[in-house]
Amino acid sequence: MTDARSRIIRLRWASGLLIAQGTLMELSVFVGVVVLLVLGTPQTTITDRVDIFALPYLNDNLYLMMAMSGIFGVLRVIGAIGLARNQMWGLVLSLFNCGTTLTLMVFLMPPGLLDGLLTGSALVLILTGWLQRRPIVSVRCHAVCQPDARPPRGPRHRLHAAPVLLHHATCH
C-alpha cells in the first residue's frame, strides 16, 4: 500500500468516527430535545429522576445542553465531510472539534467518556494520517544531505518557527 493511500485511509476512518459521533451522540440528542419540547415535557420531569452529568449546573440546564449538542453535531459532521473530501478546512475544523471535545469531556462525565474515546481515536488517526512519521526535529539531516557543509547559522535559522522545513529548503 502506498504512503498516500495509507494516509487517505486513516483520514477516512477518522472522518467516519467523527460522523458517527456527530450523528449518533450529538444530533440524536438534539432531535430528542425537539421531541421533548413538542410533547411539552418539563425539564424537571427528567432531571428529578436521572442525574445525567456529574455537575449539577449541567443537569439544571439539560435542555440547553441538548440544544447545544445539535450545534456541536452539525460542526462535527461538516468538518468530517470536509476531512473525507481531503479539504484542509475540514482537517482544521475537525482538529478544533476534537480539541474542544477533549477539553469539555471532563465536565460532561459520564457521557463524556464515550466522547473522549471516539474523539481521541479520531484525533490519533487525523494526526497520523496528516503528519505521518515525520520527526519533530531532523537532527541527522545535515550529515546525510550535505556531509561537508556546516549547519545553518544566524538569526533566521536560530529562532525560525519551522526549522526543519527551512533547513530542507536549503538542503534540497
N, C-alpha and C. Protein backbone atom coordinates (compact mmCIF):
# COMPACT_ATOMS: atom_id res chain seq x y z
N MET A 1 0.85 -1.18 0.00
CA MET A 1 0.00 0.00 0.00
C MET A 1 0.90 1.24 0.00
N THR A 2 0.57 2.18 -0.84
CA THR A 2 1.38 3.39 -0.92
C THR A 2 1.18 4.26 0.31
N ASP A 3 2.13 5.14 0.51
CA ASP A 3 2.06 6.04 1.66
C ASP A 3 0.85 6.96 1.57
N ALA A 4 0.57 7.48 0.38
CA ALA A 4 -0.58 8.37 0.19
C ALA A 4 -1.88 7.62 0.44
N ARG A 5 -1.95 6.38 0.00
CA ARG A 5 -3.16 5.56 0.22
C ARG A 5 -3.37 5.31 1.71
N SER A 6 -2.31 5.03 2.44
CA SER A 6 -2.39 4.82 3.88
C SER A 6 -2.90 6.07 4.60
N ARG A 7 -2.42 7.22 4.16
CA ARG A 7 -2.87 8.48 4.76
C ARG A 7 -4.35 8.71 4.51
N ILE A 8 -4.79 8.46 3.29
CA ILE A 8 -6.20 8.65 2.94
C ILE A 8 -7.09 7.71 3.76
N ILE A 9 -6.65 6.47 3.93
CA ILE A 9 -7.44 5.51 4.70
C ILE A 9 -7.58 5.97 6.15
N ARG A 10 -6.50 6.45 6.74
CA ARG A 10 -6.57 6.93 8.13
C ARG A 10 -7.51 8.13 8.26
N LEU A 11 -7.41 9.05 7.31
CA LEU A 11 -8.27 10.23 7.37
C LEU A 11 -9.73 9.86 7.13
N ARG A 12 -9.99 8.88 6.29
CA ARG A 12 -11.38 8.44 6.06
C ARG A 12 -11.94 7.73 7.29
N TRP A 13 -11.12 6.92 7.96
CA TRP A 13 -11.57 6.28 9.20
C TRP A 13 -11.88 7.33 10.26
N ALA A 14 -11.01 8.32 10.37
CA ALA A 14 -11.25 9.40 11.32
C ALA A 14 -12.54 10.12 10.98
N SER A 15 -12.75 10.37 9.70
CA SER A 15 -13.98 11.03 9.25
C SER A 15 -15.20 10.20 9.61
N GLY A 16 -15.12 8.90 9.41
CA GLY A 16 -16.23 8.02 9.76
C GLY A 16 -16.54 8.03 11.24
N LEU A 17 -15.50 8.02 12.07
CA LEU A 17 -15.70 8.10 13.53
C LEU A 17 -16.38 9.41 13.91
N LEU A 18 -15.93 10.50 13.31
CA LEU A 18 -16.49 11.80 13.64
C LEU A 18 -17.94 11.93 13.16
N ILE A 19 -18.24 11.37 12.00
CA ILE A 19 -19.63 11.39 11.51
C ILE A 19 -20.51 10.55 12.42
N ALA A 20 -20.03 9.37 12.81
CA ALA A 20 -20.81 8.52 13.71
C ALA A 20 -21.06 9.22 15.04
N GLN A 21 -20.02 9.84 15.58
CA GLN A 21 -20.16 10.55 16.85
C GLN A 21 -21.11 11.73 16.70
N GLY A 22 -20.96 12.48 15.65
CA GLY A 22 -21.81 13.65 15.45
C GLY A 22 -23.27 13.31 15.27
N THR A 23 -23.54 12.23 14.54
CA THR A 23 -24.95 11.88 14.30
C THR A 23 -25.55 11.10 15.46
N LEU A 24 -24.85 10.09 15.93
CA LEU A 24 -25.43 9.22 16.96
C LEU A 24 -25.43 9.83 18.35
N MET A 25 -24.39 10.59 18.68
CA MET A 25 -24.28 11.10 20.04
C MET A 25 -24.74 12.55 20.19
N GLU A 26 -24.64 13.32 19.14
CA GLU A 26 -24.93 14.74 19.30
C GLU A 26 -26.20 15.16 18.58
N LEU A 27 -26.34 14.82 17.32
CA LEU A 27 -27.55 15.21 16.60
C LEU A 27 -28.78 14.45 17.10
N SER A 28 -28.60 13.20 17.52
CA SER A 28 -29.74 12.45 18.06
C SER A 28 -30.23 13.07 19.37
N VAL A 29 -29.31 13.62 20.16
CA VAL A 29 -29.69 14.31 21.40
C VAL A 29 -30.49 15.57 21.06
N PHE A 30 -30.08 16.28 20.02
CA PHE A 30 -30.81 17.47 19.58
C PHE A 30 -32.22 17.09 19.13
N VAL A 31 -32.34 16.01 18.38
CA VAL A 31 -33.67 15.55 17.95
C VAL A 31 -34.51 15.21 19.19
N GLY A 32 -33.85 14.61 20.20
CA GLY A 32 -34.55 14.28 21.43
C GLY A 32 -35.12 15.50 22.14
N VAL A 33 -34.37 16.58 22.20
CA VAL A 33 -34.87 17.78 22.87
C VAL A 33 -36.01 18.40 22.07
N VAL A 34 -35.95 18.32 20.75
CA VAL A 34 -37.06 18.83 19.94
C VAL A 34 -38.33 18.04 20.24
N VAL A 35 -38.21 16.72 20.32
CA VAL A 35 -39.37 15.88 20.63
C VAL A 35 -39.90 16.19 22.02
N LEU A 36 -39.01 16.32 23.00
CA LEU A 36 -39.45 16.64 24.37
C LEU A 36 -40.16 17.99 24.43
N LEU A 37 -39.66 18.97 23.70
CA LEU A 37 -40.30 20.29 23.69
C LEU A 37 -41.66 20.25 22.99
N VAL A 38 -41.75 19.51 21.90
CA VAL A 38 -43.02 19.38 21.18
C VAL A 38 -44.06 18.68 22.06
N LEU A 39 -43.62 17.68 22.81
CA LEU A 39 -44.53 16.96 23.71
C LEU A 39 -44.87 17.76 24.97
N GLY A 40 -44.13 18.84 25.19
CA GLY A 40 -44.38 19.68 26.36
C GLY A 40 -43.86 19.08 27.66
N THR A 41 -42.87 18.24 27.58
CA THR A 41 -42.30 17.61 28.77
C THR A 41 -41.42 18.61 29.51
N PRO A 42 -41.73 18.91 30.76
CA PRO A 42 -40.87 19.83 31.51
C PRO A 42 -39.51 19.20 31.80
N GLN A 43 -38.50 20.03 31.83
CA GLN A 43 -37.15 19.55 32.08
C GLN A 43 -37.04 18.86 33.43
N THR A 44 -37.77 19.35 34.43
CA THR A 44 -37.69 18.77 35.77
C THR A 44 -38.19 17.33 35.81
N THR A 45 -39.05 16.96 34.89
CA THR A 45 -39.52 15.57 34.82
C THR A 45 -38.35 14.63 34.59
N ILE A 46 -37.40 15.06 33.81
CA ILE A 46 -36.22 14.22 33.51
C ILE A 46 -35.17 14.37 34.60
N THR A 47 -34.84 15.60 34.97
CA THR A 47 -33.74 15.82 35.91
C THR A 47 -34.07 15.37 37.33
N ASP A 48 -35.34 15.28 37.68
CA ASP A 48 -35.69 14.77 39.01
C ASP A 48 -35.45 13.28 39.12
N ARG A 49 -35.50 12.58 38.01
CA ARG A 49 -35.37 11.12 38.02
C ARG A 49 -33.96 10.63 37.73
N VAL A 50 -33.21 11.39 36.93
CA VAL A 50 -31.91 10.91 36.47
C VAL A 50 -30.89 12.04 36.56
N ASP A 51 -29.72 11.72 37.10
CA ASP A 51 -28.58 12.64 37.04
C ASP A 51 -27.72 12.22 35.85
N ILE A 52 -27.77 13.00 34.80
CA ILE A 52 -27.05 12.64 33.58
C ILE A 52 -25.60 13.07 33.66
N PHE A 53 -25.35 14.27 34.19
CA PHE A 53 -23.99 14.79 34.28
C PHE A 53 -23.54 14.85 35.73
N ALA A 54 -22.24 14.87 35.92
CA ALA A 54 -21.69 14.94 37.27
C ALA A 54 -21.89 16.32 37.90
N LEU A 55 -21.94 17.36 37.07
CA LEU A 55 -22.10 18.71 37.60
C LEU A 55 -23.58 19.10 37.64
N PRO A 56 -24.06 19.56 38.80
CA PRO A 56 -25.47 19.94 38.92
C PRO A 56 -25.88 21.05 37.95
N TYR A 57 -24.98 21.99 37.67
CA TYR A 57 -25.31 23.08 36.76
C TYR A 57 -25.73 22.56 35.40
N LEU A 58 -25.04 21.53 34.91
CA LEU A 58 -25.36 20.98 33.60
C LEU A 58 -26.71 20.25 33.63
N ASN A 59 -26.99 19.56 34.73
CA ASN A 59 -28.29 18.90 34.86
C ASN A 59 -29.42 19.92 34.96
N ASP A 60 -29.16 21.04 35.63
CA ASP A 60 -30.18 22.09 35.76
C ASP A 60 -30.50 22.75 34.42
N ASN A 61 -29.59 22.71 33.50
CA ASN A 61 -29.77 23.32 32.17
C ASN A 61 -29.74 22.25 31.08
N LEU A 62 -30.38 21.14 31.35
CA LEU A 62 -30.32 19.99 30.46
C LEU A 62 -30.82 20.29 29.05
N TYR A 63 -31.94 20.98 28.93
CA TYR A 63 -32.47 21.27 27.59
C TYR A 63 -31.54 22.17 26.79
N LEU A 64 -30.91 23.13 27.46
CA LEU A 64 -29.93 23.98 26.77
C LEU A 64 -28.72 23.16 26.32
N MET A 65 -28.29 22.24 27.18
CA MET A 65 -27.16 21.36 26.82
C MET A 65 -27.53 20.50 25.61
N MET A 66 -28.76 20.01 25.60
CA MET A 66 -29.20 19.17 24.48
C MET A 66 -29.28 19.99 23.19
N ALA A 67 -29.73 21.23 23.28
CA ALA A 67 -29.79 22.09 22.10
C ALA A 67 -28.37 22.41 21.60
N MET A 68 -27.48 22.68 22.54
CA MET A 68 -26.10 22.97 22.18
C MET A 68 -25.43 21.76 21.53
N SER A 69 -25.87 20.59 21.90
CA SER A 69 -25.35 19.37 21.30
C SER A 69 -25.60 19.35 19.79
N GLY A 70 -26.71 19.91 19.38
CA GLY A 70 -27.00 20.00 17.95
C GLY A 70 -25.99 20.84 17.20
N ILE A 71 -25.56 21.94 17.82
CA ILE A 71 -24.55 22.81 17.20
C ILE A 71 -23.23 22.05 17.04
N PHE A 72 -22.82 21.38 18.12
CA PHE A 72 -21.58 20.59 18.05
C PHE A 72 -21.70 19.48 17.00
N GLY A 73 -22.87 18.85 16.95
CA GLY A 73 -23.06 17.77 15.99
C GLY A 73 -22.95 18.23 14.55
N VAL A 74 -23.58 19.35 14.25
CA VAL A 74 -23.52 19.88 12.88
C VAL A 74 -22.08 20.26 12.52
N LEU A 75 -21.39 20.93 13.43
CA LEU A 75 -19.99 21.31 13.16
C LEU A 75 -19.10 20.08 12.98
N ARG A 76 -19.33 19.07 13.80
CA ARG A 76 -18.52 17.84 13.71
C ARG A 76 -18.75 17.13 12.38
N VAL A 77 -20.01 17.02 11.96
CA VAL A 77 -20.31 16.33 10.71
C VAL A 77 -19.78 17.14 9.51
N ILE A 78 -19.93 18.45 9.53
CA ILE A 78 -19.40 19.28 8.44
C ILE A 78 -17.89 19.14 8.34
N GLY A 79 -17.20 19.20 9.48
CA GLY A 79 -15.75 19.02 9.47
C GLY A 79 -15.35 17.65 8.96
N ALA A 80 -16.08 16.62 9.37
CA ALA A 80 -15.76 15.25 8.95
C ALA A 80 -15.98 15.07 7.45
N ILE A 81 -17.00 15.70 6.90
CA ILE A 81 -17.24 15.62 5.46
C ILE A 81 -16.10 16.32 4.71
N GLY A 82 -15.67 17.47 5.21
CA GLY A 82 -14.53 18.15 4.60
C GLY A 82 -13.26 17.32 4.70
N LEU A 83 -13.08 16.65 5.81
CA LEU A 83 -11.91 15.78 6.00
C LEU A 83 -11.96 14.61 5.02
N ALA A 84 -13.14 14.01 4.86
CA ALA A 84 -13.28 12.88 3.93
C ALA A 84 -13.04 13.31 2.49
N ARG A 85 -13.32 14.57 2.18
CA ARG A 85 -13.09 15.09 0.82
C ARG A 85 -11.70 15.68 0.64
N ASN A 86 -10.84 15.46 1.62
CA ASN A 86 -9.44 15.89 1.56
C ASN A 86 -9.31 17.40 1.47
N GLN A 87 -10.14 18.11 2.23
CA GLN A 87 -10.11 19.57 2.26
C GLN A 87 -9.42 20.03 3.55
N MET A 88 -8.52 20.99 3.42
CA MET A 88 -7.78 21.47 4.58
C MET A 88 -8.71 22.10 5.61
N TRP A 89 -9.75 22.79 5.19
CA TRP A 89 -10.69 23.38 6.15
C TRP A 89 -11.37 22.30 6.99
N GLY A 90 -11.63 21.14 6.37
CA GLY A 90 -12.23 20.03 7.11
C GLY A 90 -11.28 19.49 8.16
N LEU A 91 -10.00 19.43 7.81
CA LEU A 91 -8.99 18.98 8.77
C LEU A 91 -8.91 19.94 9.95
N VAL A 92 -8.85 21.24 9.67
CA VAL A 92 -8.73 22.23 10.74
C VAL A 92 -9.99 22.25 11.60
N LEU A 93 -11.16 22.23 10.99
CA LEU A 93 -12.40 22.21 11.76
C LEU A 93 -12.49 20.95 12.62
N SER A 94 -12.08 19.82 12.08
CA SER A 94 -12.10 18.57 12.85
C SER A 94 -11.12 18.62 14.01
N LEU A 95 -9.96 19.22 13.79
CA LEU A 95 -8.99 19.36 14.89
C LEU A 95 -9.54 20.26 16.00
N PHE A 96 -10.20 21.35 15.62
CA PHE A 96 -10.82 22.22 16.63
C PHE A 96 -11.92 21.47 17.38
N ASN A 97 -12.74 20.72 16.66
CA ASN A 97 -13.79 19.94 17.31
C ASN A 97 -13.21 18.92 18.28
N CYS A 98 -12.16 18.24 17.87
CA CYS A 98 -11.53 17.24 18.75
C CYS A 98 -10.96 17.91 19.99
N GLY A 99 -10.27 19.03 19.81
CA GLY A 99 -9.70 19.73 20.96
C GLY A 99 -10.76 20.22 21.93
N THR A 100 -11.84 20.76 21.37
CA THR A 100 -12.93 21.24 22.22
C THR A 100 -13.58 20.09 22.97
N THR A 101 -13.82 18.99 22.29
CA THR A 101 -14.46 17.84 22.94
C THR A 101 -13.58 17.26 24.04
N LEU A 102 -12.30 17.12 23.77
CA LEU A 102 -11.40 16.57 24.79
C LEU A 102 -11.29 17.50 25.99
N THR A 103 -11.42 18.79 25.77
CA THR A 103 -11.39 19.73 26.89
C THR A 103 -12.67 19.67 27.70
N LEU A 104 -13.81 19.61 27.01
CA LEU A 104 -15.10 19.64 27.70
C LEU A 104 -15.53 18.29 28.28
N MET A 105 -14.93 17.20 27.82
CA MET A 105 -15.40 15.89 28.27
C MET A 105 -15.25 15.71 29.77
N VAL A 106 -14.33 16.40 30.39
CA VAL A 106 -14.13 16.32 31.83
C VAL A 106 -15.37 16.82 32.56
N PHE A 107 -16.01 17.84 32.01
CA PHE A 107 -17.19 18.42 32.66
C PHE A 107 -18.47 17.66 32.32
N LEU A 108 -18.42 16.81 31.32
CA LEU A 108 -19.62 16.12 30.87
C LEU A 108 -19.61 14.64 31.25
N MET A 109 -19.01 14.30 32.37
CA MET A 109 -18.98 12.91 32.81
C MET A 109 -20.37 12.50 33.26
N PRO A 110 -20.74 11.28 33.11
CA PRO A 110 -20.11 10.12 32.47
C PRO A 110 -20.27 10.03 30.95
N PRO A 111 -21.23 10.75 30.31
CA PRO A 111 -21.32 10.60 28.85
C PRO A 111 -20.04 11.03 28.12
N GLY A 112 -19.24 11.87 28.76
CA GLY A 112 -18.01 12.35 28.15
C GLY A 112 -16.99 11.26 27.91
N LEU A 113 -17.11 10.14 28.60
CA LEU A 113 -16.14 9.05 28.40
C LEU A 113 -16.21 8.51 26.98
N LEU A 114 -17.38 8.25 26.49
CA LEU A 114 -17.52 7.75 25.12
C LEU A 114 -17.10 8.82 24.11
N ASP A 115 -17.46 10.07 24.39
CA ASP A 115 -16.99 11.18 23.55
C ASP A 115 -15.47 11.19 23.48
N GLY A 116 -14.83 11.03 24.62
CA GLY A 116 -13.37 11.03 24.67
C GLY A 116 -12.75 9.89 23.90
N LEU A 117 -13.35 8.70 24.00
CA LEU A 117 -12.82 7.55 23.26
C LEU A 117 -12.94 7.75 21.75
N LEU A 118 -14.10 8.18 21.30
CA LEU A 118 -14.28 8.39 19.86
C LEU A 118 -13.43 9.55 19.34
N THR A 119 -13.45 10.65 20.08
CA THR A 119 -12.68 11.82 19.65
C THR A 119 -11.18 11.56 19.71
N GLY A 120 -10.73 10.91 20.79
CA GLY A 120 -9.30 10.59 20.91
C GLY A 120 -8.83 9.69 19.79
N SER A 121 -9.64 8.69 19.46
CA SER A 121 -9.28 7.78 18.36
C SER A 121 -9.23 8.54 17.04
N ALA A 122 -10.24 9.37 16.80
CA ALA A 122 -10.26 10.16 15.56
C ALA A 122 -9.06 11.11 15.50
N LEU A 123 -8.72 11.72 16.62
CA LEU A 123 -7.59 12.65 16.65
C LEU A 123 -6.28 11.95 16.31
N VAL A 124 -6.07 10.76 16.87
CA VAL A 124 -4.85 10.00 16.56
C VAL A 124 -4.82 9.64 15.07
N LEU A 125 -5.95 9.23 14.53
CA LEU A 125 -5.99 8.90 13.10
C LEU A 125 -5.75 10.14 12.23
N ILE A 126 -6.31 11.27 12.62
CA ILE A 126 -6.09 12.50 11.86
C ILE A 126 -4.62 12.89 11.88
N LEU A 127 -4.04 12.89 13.06
CA LEU A 127 -2.64 13.33 13.17
C LEU A 127 -1.67 12.37 12.49
N THR A 128 -1.91 11.06 12.62
CA THR A 128 -1.01 10.11 11.94
C THR A 128 -1.24 10.11 10.43
N GLY A 129 -2.46 10.38 10.00
CA GLY A 129 -2.72 10.47 8.57
C GLY A 129 -2.14 11.74 7.96
N TRP A 130 -2.16 12.80 8.73
CA TRP A 130 -1.68 14.08 8.22
C TRP A 130 -0.17 14.22 8.35
N LEU A 131 0.35 13.91 9.53
CA LEU A 131 1.76 14.15 9.80
C LEU A 131 2.64 12.93 9.60
N GLN A 132 2.05 11.77 9.45
CA GLN A 132 2.76 10.51 9.25
C GLN A 132 3.78 10.27 10.35
N ARG A 133 4.96 9.86 9.94
CA ARG A 133 6.04 9.59 10.90
C ARG A 133 7.14 10.65 10.83
N ARG A 134 6.75 11.84 10.48
CA ARG A 134 7.74 12.91 10.38
C ARG A 134 8.32 13.20 11.76
N PRO A 135 9.64 13.34 11.83
CA PRO A 135 10.23 13.72 13.12
C PRO A 135 9.95 15.20 13.42
N ILE A 136 10.00 15.53 14.68
CA ILE A 136 9.79 16.92 15.08
C ILE A 136 11.00 17.75 14.64
N VAL A 137 12.18 17.26 14.92
CA VAL A 137 13.42 17.92 14.52
C VAL A 137 14.29 16.88 13.85
N SER A 138 14.78 17.20 12.67
CA SER A 138 15.65 16.29 11.94
C SER A 138 17.10 16.60 12.30
N VAL A 139 17.64 15.85 13.24
CA VAL A 139 18.98 16.11 13.74
C VAL A 139 20.04 15.65 12.75
N ARG A 140 19.82 14.54 12.09
CA ARG A 140 20.84 13.95 11.25
C ARG A 140 20.75 14.38 9.79
N CYS A 141 19.82 15.23 9.45
CA CYS A 141 19.62 15.59 8.05
C CYS A 141 20.85 16.24 7.44
N HIS A 142 21.47 17.15 8.15
CA HIS A 142 22.62 17.84 7.58
C HIS A 142 23.76 16.89 7.27
N ALA A 143 23.97 15.93 8.15
CA ALA A 143 25.04 14.97 7.92
C ALA A 143 24.75 14.11 6.70
N VAL A 144 23.49 13.81 6.46
CA VAL A 144 23.12 12.98 5.32
C VAL A 144 23.04 13.80 4.04
N CYS A 145 22.39 14.97 4.09
CA CYS A 145 22.16 15.78 2.89
C CYS A 145 23.44 16.44 2.38
N GLN A 146 24.19 17.04 3.30
CA GLN A 146 25.41 17.75 2.93
C GLN A 146 26.50 17.44 3.96
N PRO A 147 27.17 16.31 3.82
CA PRO A 147 28.14 15.92 4.86
C PRO A 147 29.28 16.92 5.05
N ASP A 148 29.65 17.68 4.02
CA ASP A 148 30.77 18.61 4.16
C ASP A 148 30.33 20.01 4.56
N ALA A 149 29.03 20.28 4.58
CA ALA A 149 28.53 21.62 4.86
C ALA A 149 28.36 21.84 6.37
N ARG A 150 28.51 23.11 6.76
CA ARG A 150 28.25 23.47 8.15
C ARG A 150 26.75 23.64 8.33
N PRO A 151 26.23 23.36 9.55
CA PRO A 151 24.80 23.60 9.78
C PRO A 151 24.48 25.08 9.62
N PRO A 152 23.26 25.41 9.21
CA PRO A 152 22.89 26.82 9.03
C PRO A 152 23.00 27.60 10.33
N ARG A 153 23.44 28.84 10.22
CA ARG A 153 23.58 29.71 11.39
C ARG A 153 22.95 31.05 11.11
N GLY A 154 22.83 31.83 12.15
CA GLY A 154 22.27 33.16 12.00
C GLY A 154 20.88 33.24 12.61
N PRO A 155 20.38 34.46 12.75
CA PRO A 155 19.11 34.65 13.44
C PRO A 155 17.92 34.00 12.73
N ARG A 156 17.93 33.97 11.41
CA ARG A 156 16.76 33.39 10.74
C ARG A 156 16.72 31.88 10.91
N HIS A 157 17.82 31.22 11.17
CA HIS A 157 17.83 29.78 11.38
C HIS A 157 17.63 29.43 12.85
N ARG A 158 18.06 30.30 13.73
CA ARG A 158 18.03 30.00 15.16
C ARG A 158 16.61 29.99 15.73
N LEU A 159 15.81 30.97 15.39
CA LEU A 159 14.50 31.11 16.00
C LEU A 159 13.36 30.94 15.00
N HIS A 160 13.60 30.29 13.92
CA HIS A 160 12.56 30.12 12.92
C HIS A 160 11.49 29.17 13.43
N ALA A 161 10.23 29.45 13.08
CA ALA A 161 9.10 28.65 13.57
C ALA A 161 9.14 27.23 13.04
N ALA A 162 9.69 27.02 11.86
CA ALA A 162 9.75 25.68 11.30
C ALA A 162 11.17 25.39 10.82
N PRO A 163 12.09 25.11 11.76
CA PRO A 163 13.49 24.95 11.36
C PRO A 163 13.71 23.78 10.42
N VAL A 164 12.95 22.71 10.53
CA VAL A 164 13.15 21.55 9.67
C VAL A 164 12.78 21.92 8.25
N LEU A 165 11.66 22.60 8.04
CA LEU A 165 11.26 22.97 6.68
C LEU A 165 12.25 23.94 6.07
N LEU A 166 12.70 24.91 6.85
CA LEU A 166 13.68 25.86 6.34
C LEU A 166 14.98 25.14 6.01
N HIS A 167 15.36 24.25 6.87
CA HIS A 167 16.59 23.51 6.66
C HIS A 167 16.51 22.67 5.39
N HIS A 168 15.39 21.96 5.19
CA HIS A 168 15.26 21.15 3.98
C HIS A 168 15.21 22.02 2.74
N ALA A 169 14.66 23.20 2.84
CA ALA A 169 14.63 24.10 1.68
C ALA A 169 16.05 24.49 1.30
N THR A 170 16.95 24.62 2.29
CA THR A 170 18.33 24.98 1.99
C THR A 170 19.15 23.76 1.60
N CYS A 171 18.75 22.56 2.04
CA CYS A 171 19.49 21.34 1.72
C CYS A 171 19.18 20.83 0.32
N HIS A 172 17.91 20.88 -0.05
CA HIS A 172 17.49 20.20 -1.28
C HIS A 172 17.34 21.18 -2.38
